[in-house]
Amino acid sequence: MKLKTFKSDGSSSGEKEFAVPSFEGDRGIQAIKEVVTAIRANKRFGTASTKTRAEVRGGGKKPFRQKGTGMARQGSSRSPLHSGGGVAMGPKPRDYSKKVNKKVKSLAFQRALFDRAVDGSLVVIKEFKVAEPKTKLFIEVIKQVVPTRGSILIVDNNFEDPVILASRNIAALDTEDAAYLNTLQLSLYGTIVITEVALATLMQRMEADNS
């Protein structure tokens, strides 16, 4: 599959053929949904907790007499109807994590990469280099590679310190190591800018998953 390629200074170098996996029809779309749901669920702490009326201290004495007040009878001030009382059907600590089959993860990742390549939001740059760790220099390169506004994910194998320092203050721009790139990130950002060596790393990951 042909992808747009750029030089390290941001200038275009045309298109180049890359061995991106290809798909037909809806194969892999359901896998993307399952993996994205699992990644988001696994990030949840599940520590939210409230006390029931049985766990709240106090309330042993009847708040007022049974009859003659004109109000509904109450047996405890710890009822959910009272301020400071327990919570009815409130959250308790739970495990939100979901397990996904290894083959499903691999299928979802490859399909997500294919979709980004097809819609033109996956572009390849030879390498990321800036002479000095200045945001202005980094933006000059990015503006040539991604002229439109939107969220951007930069993917490389090993980011040099000047690149990290120059890019960390840019809004809607994140960096990720190719070894840790996941399906959610491929689906989340408006444009994925990846270096040639990082793309080669992704190919090796996918070959290993398929073996």
N, C-alpha and C. Protein backbone atom coordinates (compact mmCIF):
# COMPACT_ATOMS: atom_id res chain seq x y z
N MET A 1 0.84 -1.19 0.00
CA MET A 1 0.00 0.00 0.00
C MET A 1 0.88 1.25 0.00
N LYS A 2 0.50 2.24 -0.80
CA LYS A 2 1.29 3.47 -0.90
C LYS A 2 0.88 4.47 0.18
N LEU A 3 1.88 5.05 0.85
CA LEU A 3 1.64 6.05 1.88
C LEU A 3 2.43 7.31 1.57
N LYS A 4 1.90 8.44 1.99
CA LYS A 4 2.62 9.71 1.82
C LYS A 4 3.87 9.70 2.68
N THR A 5 4.98 10.12 2.10
CA THR A 5 6.24 10.14 2.84
C THR A 5 6.83 11.55 2.84
N PHE A 6 7.53 11.85 3.92
CA PHE A 6 8.14 13.17 4.07
C PHE A 6 9.59 13.03 4.54
N LYS A 7 10.38 14.02 4.19
CA LYS A 7 11.77 14.05 4.65
C LYS A 7 11.80 14.55 6.10
N SER A 8 12.95 14.47 6.74
CA SER A 8 13.05 14.86 8.14
C SER A 8 12.80 16.35 8.36
N ASP A 9 12.96 17.17 7.30
CA ASP A 9 12.70 18.61 7.44
C ASP A 9 11.24 18.96 7.18
N GLY A 10 10.41 17.94 6.87
CA GLY A 10 8.99 18.17 6.64
C GLY A 10 8.60 18.30 5.19
N SER A 11 9.57 18.38 4.29
CA SER A 11 9.26 18.50 2.87
C SER A 11 8.79 17.16 2.31
N SER A 12 7.89 17.21 1.35
CA SER A 12 7.30 16.00 0.79
C SER A 12 8.29 15.28 -0.11
N SER A 13 8.24 13.96 -0.06
CA SER A 13 9.08 13.15 -0.94
C SER A 13 8.23 12.18 -1.76
N GLY A 14 6.92 12.48 -1.87
CA GLY A 14 6.03 11.69 -2.69
C GLY A 14 5.38 10.55 -1.94
N GLU A 15 5.25 9.41 -2.61
CA GLU A 15 4.62 8.23 -2.00
C GLU A 15 5.56 7.04 -2.11
N LYS A 16 5.40 6.12 -1.15
CA LYS A 16 6.25 4.94 -1.11
C LYS A 16 5.41 3.73 -0.74
N GLU A 17 5.77 2.59 -1.28
CA GLU A 17 5.03 1.36 -1.03
C GLU A 17 5.47 0.74 0.30
N PHE A 18 4.47 0.41 1.14
CA PHE A 18 4.74 -0.25 2.42
C PHE A 18 3.83 -1.47 2.54
N ALA A 19 4.32 -2.47 3.26
CA ALA A 19 3.58 -3.73 3.40
C ALA A 19 2.54 -3.67 4.51
N VAL A 20 1.59 -2.74 4.37
CA VAL A 20 0.51 -2.62 5.35
C VAL A 20 -0.53 -3.69 5.07
N PRO A 21 -0.98 -4.43 6.08
CA PRO A 21 -1.99 -5.49 5.87
C PRO A 21 -3.25 -4.91 5.23
N SER A 22 -3.86 -5.67 4.32
CA SER A 22 -5.07 -5.21 3.65
C SER A 22 -6.26 -6.06 4.09
N PHE A 23 -7.45 -5.44 4.05
CA PHE A 23 -8.68 -6.11 4.48
C PHE A 23 -9.79 -5.84 3.48
N GLU A 24 -10.77 -6.74 3.49
CA GLU A 24 -11.96 -6.56 2.65
C GLU A 24 -13.19 -6.62 3.53
N GLY A 25 -14.18 -5.82 3.18
CA GLY A 25 -15.44 -5.83 3.92
C GLY A 25 -15.29 -5.35 5.35
N ASP A 26 -16.06 -5.96 6.26
CA ASP A 26 -16.09 -5.52 7.66
C ASP A 26 -15.18 -6.34 8.57
N ARG A 27 -14.34 -7.17 8.00
CA ARG A 27 -13.47 -8.02 8.82
C ARG A 27 -12.57 -7.17 9.73
N GLY A 28 -12.65 -7.43 11.01
CA GLY A 28 -11.80 -6.74 11.98
C GLY A 28 -12.44 -5.55 12.66
N ILE A 29 -13.55 -5.07 12.14
CA ILE A 29 -14.20 -3.89 12.73
C ILE A 29 -14.75 -4.21 14.12
N GLN A 30 -15.39 -5.36 14.26
CA GLN A 30 -15.91 -5.76 15.58
C GLN A 30 -14.76 -5.97 16.56
N ALA A 31 -13.63 -6.46 16.06
CA ALA A 31 -12.46 -6.66 16.92
C ALA A 31 -11.95 -5.32 17.46
N ILE A 32 -11.98 -4.29 16.62
CA ILE A 32 -11.56 -2.96 17.07
C ILE A 32 -12.44 -2.48 18.21
N LYS A 33 -13.75 -2.68 18.04
CA LYS A 33 -14.69 -2.26 19.09
C LYS A 33 -14.42 -2.97 20.40
N GLU A 34 -14.17 -4.27 20.34
CA GLU A 34 -13.93 -5.05 21.54
C GLU A 34 -12.63 -4.63 22.23
N VAL A 35 -11.59 -4.41 21.45
CA VAL A 35 -10.28 -4.05 22.01
C VAL A 35 -10.31 -2.64 22.61
N VAL A 36 -10.92 -1.70 21.90
CA VAL A 36 -11.02 -0.33 22.41
C VAL A 36 -11.80 -0.30 23.72
N THR A 37 -12.91 -1.05 23.77
CA THR A 37 -13.71 -1.14 24.99
C THR A 37 -12.90 -1.73 26.13
N ALA A 38 -12.12 -2.76 25.83
CA ALA A 38 -11.30 -3.41 26.86
C ALA A 38 -10.20 -2.49 27.37
N ILE A 39 -9.55 -1.76 26.47
CA ILE A 39 -8.47 -0.84 26.88
C ILE A 39 -9.01 0.24 27.81
N ARG A 40 -10.15 0.79 27.45
CA ARG A 40 -10.75 1.83 28.28
C ARG A 40 -11.23 1.27 29.62
N ALA A 41 -11.80 0.07 29.59
CA ALA A 41 -12.27 -0.55 30.83
C ALA A 41 -11.11 -0.87 31.75
N ASN A 42 -9.99 -1.30 31.19
CA ASN A 42 -8.84 -1.68 32.00
C ASN A 42 -8.15 -0.47 32.64
N LYS A 43 -8.46 0.72 32.15
CA LYS A 43 -7.90 1.93 32.75
C LYS A 43 -8.72 2.43 33.94
N ARG A 44 -9.91 1.87 34.12
CA ARG A 44 -10.78 2.29 35.22
C ARG A 44 -10.30 1.69 36.53
N PHE A 45 -10.29 2.50 37.58
CA PHE A 45 -9.80 2.03 38.87
C PHE A 45 -10.85 1.18 39.60
N GLY A 46 -12.11 1.55 39.46
CA GLY A 46 -13.16 0.79 40.14
C GLY A 46 -13.09 0.91 41.66
N THR A 47 -12.64 2.07 42.15
CA THR A 47 -12.49 2.25 43.60
C THR A 47 -13.62 3.07 44.21
N ALA A 48 -14.58 3.52 43.41
CA ALA A 48 -15.70 4.31 43.94
C ALA A 48 -16.47 3.48 44.96
N SER A 49 -16.77 4.09 46.11
CA SER A 49 -17.44 3.33 47.16
C SER A 49 -18.32 4.24 48.00
N THR A 50 -19.50 3.75 48.37
CA THR A 50 -20.40 4.47 49.27
C THR A 50 -20.84 3.53 50.39
N LYS A 51 -21.36 4.09 51.46
CA LYS A 51 -21.81 3.28 52.59
C LYS A 51 -23.33 3.09 52.53
N THR A 52 -23.74 1.89 52.83
CA THR A 52 -25.17 1.62 52.95
C THR A 52 -25.63 2.08 54.33
N ARG A 53 -26.93 2.02 54.60
CA ARG A 53 -27.45 2.44 55.91
C ARG A 53 -26.92 1.54 57.02
N ALA A 54 -26.52 0.32 56.68
CA ALA A 54 -25.98 -0.59 57.68
C ALA A 54 -24.54 -0.24 58.06
N GLU A 55 -23.86 0.50 57.17
CA GLU A 55 -22.44 0.82 57.40
C GLU A 55 -22.23 2.21 57.99
N VAL A 56 -23.24 3.07 57.95
CA VAL A 56 -23.12 4.43 58.49
C VAL A 56 -23.26 4.39 60.01
N ARG A 57 -22.42 5.13 60.70
CA ARG A 57 -22.46 5.13 62.17
C ARG A 57 -23.67 5.93 62.69
N GLY A 58 -24.14 5.52 63.85
CA GLY A 58 -25.23 6.24 64.50
C GLY A 58 -26.59 5.72 64.08
N GLY A 59 -27.63 6.47 64.44
CA GLY A 59 -28.98 6.12 64.02
C GLY A 59 -29.65 5.05 64.84
N GLY A 60 -29.11 4.75 66.02
CA GLY A 60 -29.72 3.71 66.83
C GLY A 60 -31.03 4.13 67.47
N LYS A 61 -31.16 5.40 67.70
CA LYS A 61 -32.38 5.91 68.34
C LYS A 61 -33.40 6.34 67.28
N LYS A 62 -34.66 6.05 67.55
CA LYS A 62 -35.72 6.47 66.64
C LYS A 62 -35.76 8.00 66.62
N PRO A 63 -35.72 8.63 65.42
CA PRO A 63 -35.61 10.09 65.36
C PRO A 63 -36.81 10.85 65.96
N PHE A 64 -38.00 10.31 65.87
CA PHE A 64 -39.18 10.93 66.50
C PHE A 64 -40.25 9.85 66.68
N ARG A 65 -41.25 10.19 67.50
CA ARG A 65 -42.24 9.17 67.82
C ARG A 65 -43.02 8.70 66.60
N GLN A 66 -43.60 7.54 66.73
CA GLN A 66 -44.26 6.88 65.60
C GLN A 66 -45.48 7.64 65.13
N LYS A 67 -46.30 8.14 66.08
CA LYS A 67 -47.56 8.75 65.70
C LYS A 67 -47.67 10.18 66.24
N GLY A 68 -48.57 10.92 65.62
CA GLY A 68 -48.90 12.23 66.14
C GLY A 68 -48.09 13.39 65.60
N THR A 69 -47.11 13.14 64.75
CA THR A 69 -46.28 14.24 64.23
C THR A 69 -46.78 14.75 62.89
N GLY A 70 -47.62 13.95 62.23
CA GLY A 70 -48.09 14.34 60.90
C GLY A 70 -47.08 13.99 59.81
N MET A 71 -45.96 13.38 60.19
CA MET A 71 -44.94 13.01 59.20
C MET A 71 -44.89 11.49 59.06
N ALA A 72 -44.26 11.06 58.00
CA ALA A 72 -44.11 9.62 57.78
C ALA A 72 -43.22 9.03 58.86
N ARG A 73 -43.53 7.83 59.26
CA ARG A 73 -42.75 7.20 60.34
C ARG A 73 -41.32 6.93 59.88
N GLN A 74 -40.38 7.08 60.79
CA GLN A 74 -38.97 6.85 60.52
C GLN A 74 -38.37 6.03 61.65
N GLY A 75 -37.61 5.01 61.30
CA GLY A 75 -36.99 4.18 62.31
C GLY A 75 -35.55 4.53 62.59
N SER A 76 -34.88 5.26 61.67
CA SER A 76 -33.48 5.59 61.87
C SER A 76 -33.11 6.83 61.07
N SER A 77 -32.24 7.63 61.63
CA SER A 77 -31.76 8.83 60.92
C SER A 77 -30.69 8.46 59.89
N ARG A 78 -30.31 7.19 59.84
CA ARG A 78 -29.31 6.74 58.87
C ARG A 78 -29.95 6.24 57.58
N SER A 79 -31.24 6.43 57.46
CA SER A 79 -31.95 6.05 56.24
C SER A 79 -31.46 6.89 55.06
N PRO A 80 -31.47 6.36 53.86
CA PRO A 80 -31.10 7.15 52.67
C PRO A 80 -31.95 8.40 52.48
N LEU A 81 -33.11 8.46 53.16
CA LEU A 81 -33.98 9.64 53.04
C LEU A 81 -33.48 10.81 53.87
N HIS A 82 -32.53 10.55 54.78
CA HIS A 82 -32.02 11.60 55.66
C HIS A 82 -30.64 12.07 55.23
N SER A 83 -30.37 13.35 55.49
CA SER A 83 -29.03 13.88 55.24
C SER A 83 -28.04 13.19 56.16
N GLY A 84 -26.94 12.73 55.60
CA GLY A 84 -25.95 12.01 56.40
C GLY A 84 -26.24 10.54 56.53
N GLY A 85 -27.30 10.08 55.90
CA GLY A 85 -27.65 8.67 55.97
C GLY A 85 -26.91 7.86 54.93
N GLY A 86 -27.25 6.60 54.85
CA GLY A 86 -26.60 5.73 53.87
C GLY A 86 -27.04 6.05 52.45
N VAL A 87 -26.41 5.40 51.50
CA VAL A 87 -26.72 5.61 50.10
C VAL A 87 -27.39 4.36 49.55
N ALA A 88 -28.53 4.56 48.92
CA ALA A 88 -29.25 3.42 48.34
C ALA A 88 -28.68 3.07 46.97
N MET A 89 -28.28 1.83 46.81
CA MET A 89 -27.78 1.32 45.53
C MET A 89 -26.60 2.14 44.99
N GLY A 90 -25.73 2.61 45.89
CA GLY A 90 -24.55 3.37 45.48
C GLY A 90 -23.45 2.46 44.96
N PRO A 91 -22.38 3.05 44.38
CA PRO A 91 -21.27 2.24 43.84
C PRO A 91 -20.45 1.57 44.93
N LYS A 92 -19.92 0.41 44.61
CA LYS A 92 -19.03 -0.34 45.47
C LYS A 92 -17.79 -0.71 44.65
N PRO A 93 -16.64 -0.92 45.31
CA PRO A 93 -15.44 -1.30 44.55
C PRO A 93 -15.69 -2.53 43.67
N ARG A 94 -15.23 -2.43 42.42
CA ARG A 94 -15.43 -3.55 41.49
C ARG A 94 -14.31 -3.57 40.46
N ASP A 95 -14.21 -4.66 39.79
CA ASP A 95 -13.18 -4.84 38.76
C ASP A 95 -13.82 -4.67 37.39
N TYR A 96 -13.38 -3.65 36.65
CA TYR A 96 -13.94 -3.37 35.33
C TYR A 96 -13.15 -4.05 34.20
N SER A 97 -12.03 -4.66 34.53
CA SER A 97 -11.13 -5.17 33.50
C SER A 97 -11.79 -6.22 32.61
N LYS A 98 -11.37 -6.21 31.35
CA LYS A 98 -11.87 -7.17 30.37
C LYS A 98 -10.69 -7.86 29.70
N LYS A 99 -10.83 -9.13 29.44
CA LYS A 99 -9.79 -9.88 28.76
C LYS A 99 -10.15 -10.04 27.28
N VAL A 100 -9.12 -9.88 26.44
CA VAL A 100 -9.32 -10.01 25.00
C VAL A 100 -8.34 -11.04 24.46
N ASN A 101 -8.82 -11.90 23.62
CA ASN A 101 -7.98 -12.91 22.98
C ASN A 101 -6.82 -12.26 22.22
N LYS A 102 -5.66 -12.90 22.23
CA LYS A 102 -4.48 -12.37 21.56
C LYS A 102 -4.72 -12.19 20.06
N LYS A 103 -5.42 -13.13 19.45
CA LYS A 103 -5.69 -13.04 18.01
C LYS A 103 -6.63 -11.88 17.70
N VAL A 104 -7.57 -11.64 18.59
CA VAL A 104 -8.50 -10.51 18.41
C VAL A 104 -7.74 -9.19 18.51
N LYS A 105 -6.81 -9.10 19.48
CA LYS A 105 -5.99 -7.90 19.62
C LYS A 105 -5.19 -7.63 18.35
N SER A 106 -4.58 -8.69 17.84
CA SER A 106 -3.76 -8.55 16.63
C SER A 106 -4.62 -8.14 15.43
N LEU A 107 -5.78 -8.76 15.28
CA LEU A 107 -6.69 -8.42 14.17
C LEU A 107 -7.14 -6.97 14.27
N ALA A 108 -7.49 -6.53 15.47
CA ALA A 108 -7.96 -5.16 15.67
C ALA A 108 -6.87 -4.16 15.33
N PHE A 109 -5.65 -4.44 15.77
CA PHE A 109 -4.53 -3.52 15.52
C PHE A 109 -4.26 -3.40 14.02
N GLN A 110 -4.24 -4.54 13.33
CA GLN A 110 -3.97 -4.51 11.90
C GLN A 110 -5.08 -3.81 11.12
N ARG A 111 -6.33 -4.04 11.53
CA ARG A 111 -7.46 -3.39 10.85
C ARG A 111 -7.42 -1.89 11.08
N ALA A 112 -7.11 -1.47 12.31
CA ALA A 112 -7.04 -0.04 12.62
C ALA A 112 -5.94 0.64 11.82
N LEU A 113 -4.80 -0.03 11.68
CA LEU A 113 -3.69 0.51 10.89
C LEU A 113 -4.07 0.61 9.42
N PHE A 114 -4.76 -0.41 8.93
CA PHE A 114 -5.22 -0.41 7.54
C PHE A 114 -6.19 0.73 7.28
N ASP A 115 -7.14 0.94 8.18
CA ASP A 115 -8.14 2.00 8.02
C ASP A 115 -7.47 3.37 7.97
N ARG A 116 -6.46 3.59 8.82
CA ARG A 116 -5.77 4.88 8.82
C ARG A 116 -5.00 5.09 7.53
N ALA A 117 -4.42 4.00 7.01
CA ALA A 117 -3.68 4.10 5.75
C ALA A 117 -4.61 4.40 4.58
N VAL A 118 -5.80 3.78 4.60
CA VAL A 118 -6.76 3.97 3.51
C VAL A 118 -7.31 5.39 3.48
N ASP A 119 -7.63 5.94 4.67
CA ASP A 119 -8.23 7.28 4.68
C ASP A 119 -7.19 8.41 4.61
N GLY A 120 -5.91 8.05 4.49
CA GLY A 120 -4.87 9.06 4.30
C GLY A 120 -4.41 9.76 5.56
N SER A 121 -4.84 9.28 6.72
CA SER A 121 -4.45 9.94 7.98
C SER A 121 -3.22 9.30 8.61
N LEU A 122 -2.60 8.35 7.89
CA LEU A 122 -1.33 7.76 8.32
C LEU A 122 -0.25 8.22 7.36
N VAL A 123 0.70 9.01 7.85
CA VAL A 123 1.78 9.51 7.00
C VAL A 123 3.12 9.08 7.58
N VAL A 124 4.10 8.96 6.71
CA VAL A 124 5.42 8.47 7.11
C VAL A 124 6.46 9.56 6.94
N ILE A 125 7.30 9.73 7.94
CA ILE A 125 8.40 10.68 7.87
C ILE A 125 9.70 9.91 8.07
N LYS A 126 10.75 10.32 7.40
CA LYS A 126 12.01 9.58 7.46
C LYS A 126 12.51 9.49 8.90
N GLU A 127 12.56 10.61 9.59
CA GLU A 127 12.98 10.65 11.00
C GLU A 127 12.61 12.00 11.58
N PHE A 128 12.58 12.07 12.91
CA PHE A 128 12.32 13.33 13.59
C PHE A 128 13.62 13.86 14.17
N LYS A 129 13.98 15.06 13.72
CA LYS A 129 15.19 15.69 14.24
C LYS A 129 14.98 17.20 14.28
N VAL A 130 15.41 17.82 15.37
CA VAL A 130 15.39 19.27 15.46
C VAL A 130 16.77 19.71 15.94
N ALA A 131 17.24 20.82 15.38
CA ALA A 131 18.58 21.30 15.72
C ALA A 131 18.68 21.70 17.18
N GLU A 132 17.59 22.29 17.69
CA GLU A 132 17.55 22.71 19.09
C GLU A 132 16.21 22.29 19.69
N PRO A 133 16.18 22.11 21.01
CA PRO A 133 14.90 21.73 21.65
C PRO A 133 13.94 22.90 21.76
N LYS A 134 13.51 23.41 20.60
CA LYS A 134 12.60 24.55 20.57
C LYS A 134 11.29 24.16 19.90
N THR A 135 10.18 24.54 20.53
CA THR A 135 8.86 24.20 20.01
C THR A 135 8.63 24.78 18.62
N LYS A 136 9.14 25.97 18.39
CA LYS A 136 8.96 26.64 17.10
C LYS A 136 9.53 25.81 15.96
N LEU A 137 10.70 25.22 16.16
CA LEU A 137 11.33 24.41 15.12
C LEU A 137 10.51 23.15 14.84
N PHE A 138 9.98 22.57 15.89
CA PHE A 138 9.19 21.35 15.74
C PHE A 138 7.88 21.65 15.01
N ILE A 139 7.26 22.77 15.35
CA ILE A 139 5.99 23.15 14.71
C ILE A 139 6.19 23.40 13.22
N GLU A 140 7.33 23.96 12.84
CA GLU A 140 7.60 24.21 11.42
C GLU A 140 7.60 22.92 10.62
N VAL A 141 8.13 21.86 11.21
CA VAL A 141 8.13 20.56 10.54
C VAL A 141 6.72 19.97 10.49
N ILE A 142 6.03 20.02 11.63
CA ILE A 142 4.69 19.43 11.71
C ILE A 142 3.71 20.12 10.77
N LYS A 143 3.80 21.44 10.63
CA LYS A 143 2.88 22.17 9.77
C LYS A 143 3.00 21.74 8.31
N GLN A 144 4.19 21.33 7.91
CA GLN A 144 4.37 20.86 6.54
C GLN A 144 3.81 19.45 6.35
N VAL A 145 3.98 18.63 7.38
CA VAL A 145 3.50 17.24 7.30
C VAL A 145 1.99 17.17 7.50
N VAL A 146 1.48 17.94 8.48
CA VAL A 146 0.05 17.95 8.79
C VAL A 146 -0.45 19.39 8.72
N PRO A 147 -0.83 19.86 7.54
CA PRO A 147 -1.26 21.25 7.40
C PRO A 147 -2.61 21.56 8.04
N THR A 148 -3.46 20.55 8.22
CA THR A 148 -4.78 20.78 8.80
C THR A 148 -4.73 20.64 10.32
N ARG A 149 -5.70 21.27 11.00
CA ARG A 149 -5.76 21.19 12.46
C ARG A 149 -6.37 19.87 12.90
N GLY A 150 -6.04 19.50 14.12
CA GLY A 150 -6.57 18.26 14.68
C GLY A 150 -5.54 17.60 15.57
N SER A 151 -5.95 16.54 16.24
CA SER A 151 -5.03 15.83 17.13
C SER A 151 -4.01 15.04 16.32
N ILE A 152 -2.78 15.00 16.82
CA ILE A 152 -1.68 14.34 16.12
C ILE A 152 -0.95 13.41 17.07
N LEU A 153 -0.63 12.23 16.59
CA LEU A 153 0.19 11.28 17.36
C LEU A 153 1.48 11.04 16.59
N ILE A 154 2.61 11.28 17.25
CA ILE A 154 3.92 11.04 16.66
C ILE A 154 4.43 9.70 17.16
N VAL A 155 4.81 8.82 16.24
CA VAL A 155 5.28 7.48 16.61
C VAL A 155 6.71 7.29 16.13
N ASP A 156 7.56 6.86 17.04
CA ASP A 156 8.97 6.59 16.70
C ASP A 156 9.47 5.46 17.58
N ASN A 157 10.67 4.98 17.28
CA ASN A 157 11.25 3.92 18.11
C ASN A 157 11.88 4.51 19.37
N ASN A 158 12.74 5.47 19.19
CA ASN A 158 13.39 6.12 20.32
C ASN A 158 13.44 7.62 20.05
N PHE A 159 12.75 8.38 20.89
CA PHE A 159 12.72 9.82 20.71
C PHE A 159 13.97 10.45 21.35
N GLU A 160 14.62 11.31 20.59
CA GLU A 160 15.76 12.03 21.14
C GLU A 160 15.25 13.11 22.08
N ASP A 161 16.07 13.49 23.05
CA ASP A 161 15.66 14.48 24.05
C ASP A 161 15.22 15.81 23.43
N PRO A 162 15.93 16.35 22.42
CA PRO A 162 15.47 17.62 21.82
C PRO A 162 14.07 17.53 21.24
N VAL A 163 13.72 16.37 20.66
CA VAL A 163 12.39 16.19 20.08
C VAL A 163 11.33 16.16 21.18
N ILE A 164 11.62 15.46 22.27
CA ILE A 164 10.67 15.38 23.39
C ILE A 164 10.44 16.76 23.99
N LEU A 165 11.52 17.50 24.20
CA LEU A 165 11.42 18.83 24.79
C LEU A 165 10.70 19.81 23.87
N ALA A 166 10.92 19.67 22.56
CA ALA A 166 10.31 20.59 21.60
C ALA A 166 8.84 20.31 21.38
N SER A 167 8.40 19.09 21.62
CA SER A 167 7.02 18.71 21.29
C SER A 167 6.08 18.69 22.50
N ARG A 168 6.61 18.73 23.70
CA ARG A 168 5.76 18.50 24.87
C ARG A 168 4.80 19.64 25.19
N ASN A 169 5.04 20.84 24.64
CA ASN A 169 4.16 21.97 24.92
C ASN A 169 3.15 22.24 23.80
N ILE A 170 3.08 21.36 22.82
CA ILE A 170 2.17 21.56 21.69
C ILE A 170 0.82 20.92 22.02
N ALA A 171 -0.23 21.71 21.95
CA ALA A 171 -1.57 21.21 22.26
C ALA A 171 -2.01 20.18 21.23
N ALA A 172 -2.75 19.18 21.68
CA ALA A 172 -3.33 18.13 20.82
C ALA A 172 -2.27 17.33 20.08
N LEU A 173 -1.06 17.27 20.63
CA LEU A 173 0.00 16.46 20.03
C LEU A 173 0.63 15.58 21.10
N ASP A 174 0.72 14.29 20.81
CA ASP A 174 1.33 13.34 21.75
C ASP A 174 2.36 12.49 21.02
N THR A 175 3.23 11.88 21.79
CA THR A 175 4.23 10.98 21.23
C THR A 175 4.06 9.59 21.84
N GLU A 176 4.43 8.58 21.06
CA GLU A 176 4.33 7.21 21.56
C GLU A 176 5.42 6.34 20.93
N ASP A 177 5.95 5.45 21.72
CA ASP A 177 6.93 4.48 21.24
C ASP A 177 6.21 3.42 20.41
N ALA A 178 6.80 3.03 19.30
CA ALA A 178 6.16 2.06 18.41
C ALA A 178 5.90 0.72 19.10
N ALA A 179 6.72 0.39 20.10
CA ALA A 179 6.57 -0.88 20.80
C ALA A 179 5.31 -0.91 21.66
N TYR A 180 4.78 0.27 22.02
CA TYR A 180 3.63 0.35 22.91
C TYR A 180 2.38 0.90 22.23
N LEU A 181 2.45 1.19 20.96
CA LEU A 181 1.29 1.72 20.23
C LEU A 181 0.15 0.70 20.27
N ASN A 182 -1.07 1.18 20.55
CA ASN A 182 -2.20 0.25 20.63
C ASN A 182 -3.35 0.68 19.71
N THR A 183 -4.36 -0.15 19.66
CA THR A 183 -5.51 0.07 18.77
C THR A 183 -6.27 1.33 19.12
N LEU A 184 -6.41 1.63 20.41
CA LEU A 184 -7.13 2.83 20.82
C LEU A 184 -6.44 4.08 20.29
N GLN A 185 -5.13 4.13 20.38
CA GLN A 185 -4.39 5.29 19.87
C GLN A 185 -4.53 5.43 18.36
N LEU A 186 -4.51 4.31 17.66
CA LEU A 186 -4.68 4.36 16.21
C LEU A 186 -6.05 4.88 15.82
N SER A 187 -7.04 4.64 16.68
CA SER A 187 -8.42 5.05 16.37
C SER A 187 -8.74 6.45 16.88
N LEU A 188 -7.94 6.93 17.83
CA LEU A 188 -8.30 8.14 18.56
C LEU A 188 -7.84 9.43 17.88
N TYR A 189 -6.64 9.43 17.33
CA TYR A 189 -6.04 10.67 16.83
C TYR A 189 -6.43 10.96 15.38
N GLY A 190 -6.46 12.25 15.06
CA GLY A 190 -6.84 12.66 13.72
C GLY A 190 -5.80 12.27 12.69
N THR A 191 -4.51 12.38 13.04
CA THR A 191 -3.42 12.04 12.13
C THR A 191 -2.34 11.28 12.89
N ILE A 192 -1.82 10.23 12.27
CA ILE A 192 -0.71 9.47 12.83
C ILE A 192 0.51 9.75 11.97
N VAL A 193 1.55 10.30 12.57
CA VAL A 193 2.81 10.54 11.86
C VAL A 193 3.84 9.56 12.41
N ILE A 194 4.33 8.68 11.56
CA ILE A 194 5.21 7.61 12.01
C ILE A 194 6.51 7.61 11.22
N THR A 195 7.60 7.34 11.88
CA THR A 195 8.88 7.27 11.19
C THR A 195 9.00 5.92 10.47
N GLU A 196 9.93 5.87 9.52
CA GLU A 196 10.09 4.64 8.74
C GLU A 196 10.55 3.48 9.63
N VAL A 197 11.44 3.74 10.57
CA VAL A 197 11.92 2.66 11.44
C VAL A 197 10.81 2.20 12.38
N ALA A 198 9.96 3.12 12.81
CA ALA A 198 8.84 2.76 13.69
C ALA A 198 7.83 1.91 12.94
N LEU A 199 7.58 2.24 11.67
CA LEU A 199 6.65 1.45 10.86
C LEU A 199 7.20 0.05 10.65
N ALA A 200 8.52 -0.05 10.47
CA ALA A 200 9.14 -1.37 10.34
C ALA A 200 8.97 -2.17 11.62
N THR A 201 9.04 -1.50 12.76
CA THR A 201 8.82 -2.16 14.05
C THR A 201 7.40 -2.69 14.15
N LEU A 202 6.43 -1.90 13.69
CA LEU A 202 5.03 -2.35 13.71
C LEU A 202 4.84 -3.57 12.82
N MET A 203 5.52 -3.59 11.66
CA MET A 203 5.42 -4.74 10.78
C MET A 203 5.95 -5.99 11.46
N GLN A 204 7.06 -5.86 12.18
CA GLN A 204 7.64 -6.99 12.89
C GLN A 204 6.69 -7.47 13.99
N ARG A 205 6.04 -6.52 14.69
CA ARG A 205 5.07 -6.89 15.71
C ARG A 205 3.94 -7.71 15.13
N MET A 206 3.42 -7.26 13.99
CA MET A 206 2.29 -7.94 13.37
C MET A 206 2.69 -9.32 12.83
N GLU A 207 3.91 -9.42 12.29
CA GLU A 207 4.39 -10.73 11.82
C GLU A 207 4.54 -11.70 12.97
N ALA A 208 5.04 -11.20 14.10
CA ALA A 208 5.19 -12.06 15.29
C ALA A 208 3.84 -12.51 15.80
N ASP A 209 2.83 -11.63 15.75
CA ASP A 209 1.49 -12.00 16.22
C ASP A 209 0.85 -13.04 15.32
N ASN A 210 1.17 -12.98 14.03
CA ASN A 210 0.56 -13.90 13.06
C ASN A 210 1.26 -15.26 13.00
N SER A 211 2.47 -15.32 13.56
CA SER A 211 3.23 -16.57 13.51
C SER A 211 2.78 -17.57 14.56
